[in-house]
PDB file of all heavy atoms in Angstrom:
ATOM      1  N   LEU A   1      12.404   5.494   4.126  1.00  0.00           N
ATOM      2  CA  LEU A   1      13.673   4.800   4.308  1.00  0.00           C
ATOM      3  C   LEU A   1      14.684   5.487   3.402  1.00  0.00           C
ATOM      4  O   LEU A   1      14.542   5.445   2.169  1.00  0.00           O
ATOM      5  CB  LEU A   1      13.552   3.322   3.933  1.00  0.00           C
ATOM      6  CG  LEU A   1      12.967   2.358   4.971  1.00  0.00           C
ATOM      7  CD1 LEU A   1      11.573   2.768   5.413  1.00  0.00           C
ATOM      8  CD2 LEU A   1      12.956   0.938   4.407  1.00  0.00           C
ATOM      9  N   ARG A   2      15.699   6.108   3.997  1.00  0.00           N
ATOM     10  CA  ARG A   2      16.615   6.938   3.212  1.00  0.00           C
ATOM     11  C   ARG A   2      18.068   6.628   3.533  1.00  0.00           C
ATOM     12  O   ARG A   2      18.492   6.683   4.682  1.00  0.00           O
ATOM     13  CB  ARG A   2      16.342   8.420   3.486  1.00  0.00           C
ATOM     14  CG  ARG A   2      17.114   9.380   2.585  1.00  0.00           C
ATOM     15  CD  ARG A   2      16.890  10.819   2.998  1.00  0.00           C
ATOM     16  NE  ARG A   2      17.557  11.102   4.272  1.00  0.00           N
ATOM     17  CZ  ARG A   2      17.137  12.032   5.140  1.00  0.00           C
ATOM     18  NH1 ARG A   2      16.042  12.734   4.892  1.00  0.00           N
ATOM     19  NH2 ARG A   2      17.813  12.227   6.261  1.00  0.00           N
ATOM     20  N   GLU A   3      18.806   6.283   2.507  1.00  0.00           N
ATOM     21  CA  GLU A   3      20.264   6.165   2.591  1.00  0.00           C
ATOM     22  C   GLU A   3      20.716   5.188   3.681  1.00  0.00           C
ATOM     23  O   GLU A   3      21.739   5.395   4.333  1.00  0.00           O
ATOM     24  CB  GLU A   3      20.913   7.547   2.784  1.00  0.00           C
ATOM     25  CG  GLU A   3      20.669   8.466   1.605  1.00  0.00           C
ATOM     26  CD  GLU A   3      21.297   9.834   1.752  1.00  0.00           C
ATOM     27  OE1 GLU A   3      21.990  10.067   2.763  1.00  0.00           O
ATOM     28  OE2 GLU A   3      21.088  10.673   0.872  1.00  0.00           O
ATOM     29  N   ASN A   4      19.959   4.129   3.858  1.00  0.00           N
ATOM     30  CA  ASN A   4      20.414   3.043   4.720  1.00  0.00           C
ATOM     31  C   ASN A   4      21.298   2.099   3.925  1.00  0.00           C
ATOM     32  O   ASN A   4      21.121   1.926   2.721  1.00  0.00           O
ATOM     33  CB  ASN A   4      19.211   2.267   5.271  1.00  0.00           C
ATOM     34  CG  ASN A   4      18.288   3.156   6.081  1.00  0.00           C
ATOM     35  OD1 ASN A   4      18.595   3.528   7.201  1.00  0.00           O
ATOM     36  ND2 ASN A   4      17.150   3.527   5.486  1.00  0.00           N
ATOM     37  N   THR A   5      22.241   1.453   4.615  1.00  0.00           N
ATOM     38  CA  THR A   5      23.043   0.399   4.019  1.00  0.00           C
ATOM     39  C   THR A   5      22.573  -0.937   4.571  1.00  0.00           C
ATOM     40  O   THR A   5      22.606  -1.159   5.791  1.00  0.00           O
ATOM     41  CB  THR A   5      24.532   0.594   4.321  1.00  0.00           C
ATOM     42  OG1 THR A   5      24.977   1.819   3.739  1.00  0.00           O
ATOM     43  CG2 THR A   5      25.352  -0.552   3.754  1.00  0.00           C
ATOM     44  N   LEU A   6      22.095  -1.806   3.677  1.00  0.00           N
ATOM     45  CA  LEU A   6      21.610  -3.128   4.055  1.00  0.00           C
ATOM     46  C   LEU A   6      22.526  -4.158   3.418  1.00  0.00           C
ATOM     47  O   LEU A   6      22.579  -4.268   2.184  1.00  0.00           O
ATOM     48  CB  LEU A   6      20.166  -3.314   3.613  1.00  0.00           C
ATOM     49  CG  LEU A   6      19.186  -2.349   4.293  1.00  0.00           C
ATOM     50  CD1 LEU A   6      18.683  -1.317   3.295  1.00  0.00           C
ATOM     51  CD2 LEU A   6      18.020  -3.104   4.904  1.00  0.00           C
ATOM     52  N   ALA A   7      23.256  -4.883   4.261  1.00  0.00           N
ATOM     53  CA  ALA A   7      24.290  -5.775   3.741  1.00  0.00           C
ATOM     54  C   ALA A   7      24.249  -7.125   4.437  1.00  0.00           C
ATOM     55  O   ALA A   7      24.047  -7.207   5.661  1.00  0.00           O
ATOM     56  CB  ALA A   7      25.670  -5.144   3.937  1.00  0.00           C
ATOM     57  N   LEU A   8      24.408  -8.174   3.637  1.00  0.00           N
ATOM     58  CA  LEU A   8      24.596  -9.531   4.154  1.00  0.00           C
ATOM     59  C   LEU A   8      23.405 -10.032   4.963  1.00  0.00           C
ATOM     60  O   LEU A   8      23.555 -10.911   5.807  1.00  0.00           O
ATOM     61  CB  LEU A   8      25.881  -9.620   4.994  1.00  0.00           C
ATOM     62  CG  LEU A   8      27.171  -9.181   4.284  1.00  0.00           C
ATOM     63  CD1 LEU A   8      28.340  -9.237   5.250  1.00  0.00           C
ATOM     64  CD2 LEU A   8      27.443 -10.048   3.050  1.00  0.00           C
ATOM     65  N   ASN A   9      22.242  -9.469   4.715  1.00  0.00           N
ATOM     66  CA  ASN A   9      21.022  -9.993   5.316  1.00  0.00           C
ATOM     67  C   ASN A   9      20.458 -11.114   4.447  1.00  0.00           C
ATOM     68  O   ASN A   9      20.678 -11.156   3.233  1.00  0.00           O
ATOM     69  CB  ASN A   9      19.978  -8.877   5.446  1.00  0.00           C
ATOM     70  CG  ASN A   9      20.487  -7.706   6.265  1.00  0.00           C
ATOM     71  OD1 ASN A   9      20.566  -7.766   7.490  1.00  0.00           O
ATOM     72  ND2 ASN A   9      20.849  -6.614   5.584  1.00  0.00           N
ATOM     73  N   VAL A  10      19.720 -12.040   5.048  1.00  0.00           N
ATOM     74  CA  VAL A  10      19.024 -13.032   4.242  1.00  0.00           C
ATOM     75  C   VAL A  10      18.037 -12.325   3.322  1.00  0.00           C
ATOM     76  O   VAL A  10      17.981 -12.575   2.116  1.00  0.00           O
ATOM     77  CB  VAL A  10      18.317 -14.059   5.142  1.00  0.00           C
ATOM     78  CG1 VAL A  10      17.501 -15.035   4.288  1.00  0.00           C
ATOM     79  CG2 VAL A  10      19.329 -14.812   6.003  1.00  0.00           C
ATOM     80  N   CYS A  11      17.260 -11.407   3.881  1.00  0.00           N
ATOM     81  CA  CYS A  11      16.338 -10.557   3.115  1.00  0.00           C
ATOM     82  C   CYS A  11      16.535  -9.122   3.581  1.00  0.00           C
ATOM     83  O   CYS A  11      16.322  -8.826   4.761  1.00  0.00           O
ATOM     84  CB  CYS A  11      14.898 -11.001   3.343  1.00  0.00           C
ATOM     85  SG  CYS A  11      13.692  -9.969   2.483  1.00  0.00           S
ATOM     86  N   ALA A  12      16.933  -8.233   2.690  1.00  0.00           N
ATOM     87  CA  ALA A  12      17.203  -6.850   3.093  1.00  0.00           C
ATOM     88  C   ALA A  12      15.916  -6.126   3.504  1.00  0.00           C
ATOM     89  O   ALA A  12      15.825  -5.576   4.597  1.00  0.00           O
ATOM     90  CB  ALA A  12      17.906  -6.104   1.977  1.00  0.00           C
ATOM     91  N   LEU A  13      14.931  -6.128   2.621  1.00  0.00           N
ATOM     92  CA  LEU A  13      13.633  -5.500   2.890  1.00  0.00           C
ATOM     93  C   LEU A  13      12.566  -6.579   2.771  1.00  0.00           C
ATOM     94  O   LEU A  13      12.427  -7.211   1.724  1.00  0.00           O
ATOM     95  CB  LEU A  13      13.350  -4.383   1.889  1.00  0.00           C
ATOM     96  CG  LEU A  13      14.320  -3.204   1.881  1.00  0.00           C
ATOM     97  CD1 LEU A  13      13.961  -2.230   0.765  1.00  0.00           C
ATOM     98  CD2 LEU A  13      14.341  -2.501   3.231  1.00  0.00           C
ATOM     99  N   LYS A  14      11.802  -6.758   3.838  1.00  0.00           N
ATOM    100  CA  LYS A  14      10.803  -7.822   3.853  1.00  0.00           C
ATOM    101  C   LYS A  14       9.416  -7.235   4.059  1.00  0.00           C
ATOM    102  O   LYS A  14       9.228  -6.345   4.886  1.00  0.00           O
ATOM    103  CB  LYS A  14      11.114  -8.824   4.968  1.00  0.00           C
ATOM    104  CG  LYS A  14      10.168 -10.021   4.991  1.00  0.00           C
ATOM    105  CD  LYS A  14      10.592 -11.023   6.051  1.00  0.00           C
ATOM    106  CE  LYS A  14       9.660 -12.232   6.047  1.00  0.00           C
ATOM    107  NZ  LYS A  14      10.048 -13.234   7.076  1.00  0.00           N
ATOM    108  N   GLY A  15       8.439  -7.755   3.297  1.00  0.00           N
ATOM    109  CA  GLY A  15       7.061  -7.317   3.451  1.00  0.00           C
ATOM    110  C   GLY A  15       6.685  -6.269   2.422  1.00  0.00           C
ATOM    111  O   GLY A  15       7.499  -5.836   1.607  1.00  0.00           O
ATOM    112  N   PRO A  16       5.422  -5.822   2.436  1.00  0.00           N
ATOM    113  CA  PRO A  16       4.945  -4.869   1.434  1.00  0.00           C
ATOM    114  C   PRO A  16       5.524  -3.476   1.650  1.00  0.00           C
ATOM    115  O   PRO A  16       5.478  -2.933   2.749  1.00  0.00           O
ATOM    116  CB  PRO A  16       3.425  -4.876   1.638  1.00  0.00           C
ATOM    117  CG  PRO A  16       3.221  -5.360   3.035  1.00  0.00           C
ATOM    118  CD  PRO A  16       4.351  -6.273   3.351  1.00  0.00           C
ATOM    119  N   LEU A  17       6.070  -2.907   0.573  1.00  0.00           N
ATOM    120  CA  LEU A  17       6.696  -1.589   0.649  1.00  0.00           C
ATOM    121  C   LEU A  17       5.804  -0.481   0.105  1.00  0.00           C
ATOM    122  O   LEU A  17       6.105   0.706   0.284  1.00  0.00           O
ATOM    123  CB  LEU A  17       8.013  -1.610  -0.131  1.00  0.00           C
ATOM    124  CG  LEU A  17       9.027  -2.667   0.315  1.00  0.00           C
ATOM    125  CD1 LEU A  17      10.238  -2.651  -0.608  1.00  0.00           C
ATOM    126  CD2 LEU A  17       9.450  -2.455   1.761  1.00  0.00           C
ATOM    127  N   ASP A  18       4.708  -0.834  -0.569  1.00  0.00           N
ATOM    128  CA  ASP A  18       3.821   0.170  -1.154  1.00  0.00           C
ATOM    129  C   ASP A  18       3.347   1.149  -0.089  1.00  0.00           C
ATOM    130  O   ASP A  18       2.991   0.768   1.031  1.00  0.00           O
ATOM    131  CB  ASP A  18       2.606  -0.495  -1.793  1.00  0.00           C
ATOM    132  CG  ASP A  18       2.960  -1.279  -3.042  1.00  0.00           C
ATOM    133  OD1 ASP A  18       4.100  -1.136  -3.526  1.00  0.00           O
ATOM    134  OD2 ASP A  18       2.108  -2.068  -3.515  1.00  0.00           O
ATOM    135  N   GLY A  19       3.327   2.430  -0.456  1.00  0.00           N
ATOM    136  CA  GLY A  19       2.870   3.464   0.463  1.00  0.00           C
ATOM    137  C   GLY A  19       3.968   4.044   1.315  1.00  0.00           C
ATOM    138  O   GLY A  19       3.726   4.960   2.114  1.00  0.00           O
ATOM    139  N   ASN A  20       5.186   3.532   1.168  1.00  0.00           N
ATOM    140  CA  ASN A  20       6.347   4.085   1.848  1.00  0.00           C
ATOM    141  C   ASN A  20       7.323   4.633   0.810  1.00  0.00           C
ATOM    142  O   ASN A  20       7.269   4.271  -0.362  1.00  0.00           O
ATOM    143  CB  ASN A  20       7.019   3.006   2.701  1.00  0.00           C
ATOM    144  CG  ASN A  20       6.089   2.482   3.779  1.00  0.00           C
ATOM    145  OD1 ASN A  20       5.866   3.138   4.789  1.00  0.00           O
ATOM    146  ND2 ASN A  20       5.521   1.293   3.561  1.00  0.00           N
ATOM    147  N   THR A  21       8.216   5.497   1.228  1.00  0.00           N
ATOM    148  CA  THR A  21       9.158   6.152   0.325  1.00  0.00           C
ATOM    149  C   THR A  21      10.556   5.615   0.572  1.00  0.00           C
ATOM    150  O   THR A  21      11.044   5.641   1.708  1.00  0.00           O
ATOM    151  CB  THR A  21       9.145   7.672   0.542  1.00  0.00           C
ATOM    152  OG1 THR A  21       7.818   8.168   0.310  1.00  0.00           O
ATOM    153  CG2 THR A  21      10.112   8.364  -0.406  1.00  0.00           C
ATOM    154  N   LEU A  22      11.214   5.133  -0.498  1.00  0.00           N
ATOM    155  CA  LEU A  22      12.579   4.620  -0.413  1.00  0.00           C
ATOM    156  C   LEU A  22      13.489   5.510  -1.241  1.00  0.00           C
ATOM    157  O   LEU A  22      13.222   5.741  -2.433  1.00  0.00           O
ATOM    158  CB  LEU A  22      12.645   3.179  -0.915  1.00  0.00           C
ATOM    159  CG  LEU A  22      12.247   2.072   0.073  1.00  0.00           C
ATOM    160  CD1 LEU A  22      10.777   2.166   0.458  1.00  0.00           C
ATOM    161  CD2 LEU A  22      12.570   0.704  -0.511  1.00  0.00           C
ATOM    162  N   ILE A  23      14.551   6.017  -0.610  1.00  0.00           N
ATOM    163  CA  ILE A  23      15.439   6.970  -1.264  1.00  0.00           C
ATOM    164  C   ILE A  23      16.896   6.536  -1.055  1.00  0.00           C
ATOM    165  O   ILE A  23      17.388   6.500   0.080  1.00  0.00           O
ATOM    166  CB  ILE A  23      15.258   8.399  -0.699  1.00  0.00           C
ATOM    167  CG1 ILE A  23      13.806   8.862  -0.811  1.00  0.00           C
ATOM    168  CG2 ILE A  23      16.194   9.372  -1.399  1.00  0.00           C
ATOM    169  CD1 ILE A  23      13.512  10.152  -0.072  1.00  0.00           C
ATOM    170  N   GLU A  24      17.562   6.162  -2.124  1.00  0.00           N
ATOM    171  CA  GLU A  24      19.017   5.967  -2.151  1.00  0.00           C
ATOM    172  C   GLU A  24      19.517   5.019  -1.064  1.00  0.00           C
ATOM    173  O   GLU A  24      20.553   5.264  -0.436  1.00  0.00           O
ATOM    174  CB  GLU A  24      19.731   7.323  -2.064  1.00  0.00           C
ATOM    175  CG  GLU A  24      19.461   8.213  -3.265  1.00  0.00           C
ATOM    176  CD  GLU A  24      20.202   9.527  -3.229  1.00  0.00           C
ATOM    177  OE1 GLU A  24      20.945   9.778  -2.256  1.00  0.00           O
ATOM    178  OE2 GLU A  24      20.043  10.318  -4.172  1.00  0.00           O
ATOM    179  N   ASN A  25      18.803   3.946  -0.825  1.00  0.00           N
ATOM    180  CA  ASN A  25      19.316   2.902   0.054  1.00  0.00           C
ATOM    181  C   ASN A  25      20.329   2.056  -0.720  1.00  0.00           C
ATOM    182  O   ASN A  25      20.247   1.911  -1.938  1.00  0.00           O
ATOM    183  CB  ASN A  25      18.164   2.047   0.571  1.00  0.00           C
ATOM    184  CG  ASN A  25      17.198   2.857   1.422  1.00  0.00           C
ATOM    185  OD1 ASN A  25      17.481   3.197   2.558  1.00  0.00           O
ATOM    186  ND2 ASN A  25      16.045   3.202   0.838  1.00  0.00           N
ATOM    187  N   VAL A  26      21.281   1.481   0.009  1.00  0.00           N
ATOM    188  CA  VAL A  26      22.370   0.717  -0.602  1.00  0.00           C
ATOM    189  C   VAL A  26      22.238  -0.744  -0.186  1.00  0.00           C
ATOM    190  O   VAL A  26      22.059  -1.049   1.000  1.00  0.00           O
ATOM    191  CB  VAL A  26      23.734   1.273  -0.158  1.00  0.00           C
ATOM    192  CG1 VAL A  26      24.874   0.422  -0.712  1.00  0.00           C
ATOM    193  CG2 VAL A  26      23.891   2.728  -0.602  1.00  0.00           C
ATOM    194  N   PHE A  27      22.332  -1.637  -1.161  1.00  0.00           N
ATOM    195  CA  PHE A  27      22.180  -3.071  -0.924  1.00  0.00           C
ATOM    196  C   PHE A  27      23.477  -3.773  -1.303  1.00  0.00           C
ATOM    197  O   PHE A  27      23.977  -3.601  -2.424  1.00  0.00           O
ATOM    198  CB  PHE A  27      21.020  -3.619  -1.748  1.00  0.00           C
ATOM    199  CG  PHE A  27      19.698  -2.970  -1.431  1.00  0.00           C
ATOM    200  CD1 PHE A  27      19.296  -1.816  -2.097  1.00  0.00           C
ATOM    201  CD2 PHE A  27      18.868  -3.497  -0.456  1.00  0.00           C
ATOM    202  CE1 PHE A  27      18.084  -1.214  -1.803  1.00  0.00           C
ATOM    203  CE2 PHE A  27      17.649  -2.908  -0.162  1.00  0.00           C
ATOM    204  CZ  PHE A  27      17.261  -1.762  -0.834  1.00  0.00           C
ATOM    205  N   GLN A  28      24.008  -4.564  -0.359  1.00  0.00           N
ATOM    206  CA  GLN A  28      25.282  -5.236  -0.611  1.00  0.00           C
ATOM    207  C   GLN A  28      25.236  -6.676  -0.098  1.00  0.00           C
ATOM    208  O   GLN A  28      25.088  -6.899   1.104  1.00  0.00           O
ATOM    209  CB  GLN A  28      26.425  -4.492   0.091  1.00  0.00           C
ATOM    210  CG  GLN A  28      26.638  -3.061  -0.369  1.00  0.00           C
ATOM    211  CD  GLN A  28      27.671  -2.317   0.448  1.00  0.00           C
ATOM    212  OE1 GLN A  28      27.979  -2.680   1.577  1.00  0.00           O
ATOM    213  NE2 GLN A  28      28.212  -1.259  -0.128  1.00  0.00           N
TER     214      GLN A  28
END
């Protein structure tokens, strides 16, 4: 998951994230 913008969600990222790569995502 790279450089996504996640805004105004009830939950931006839901569930287990281990084993995945997160790079420079933006949360608003």
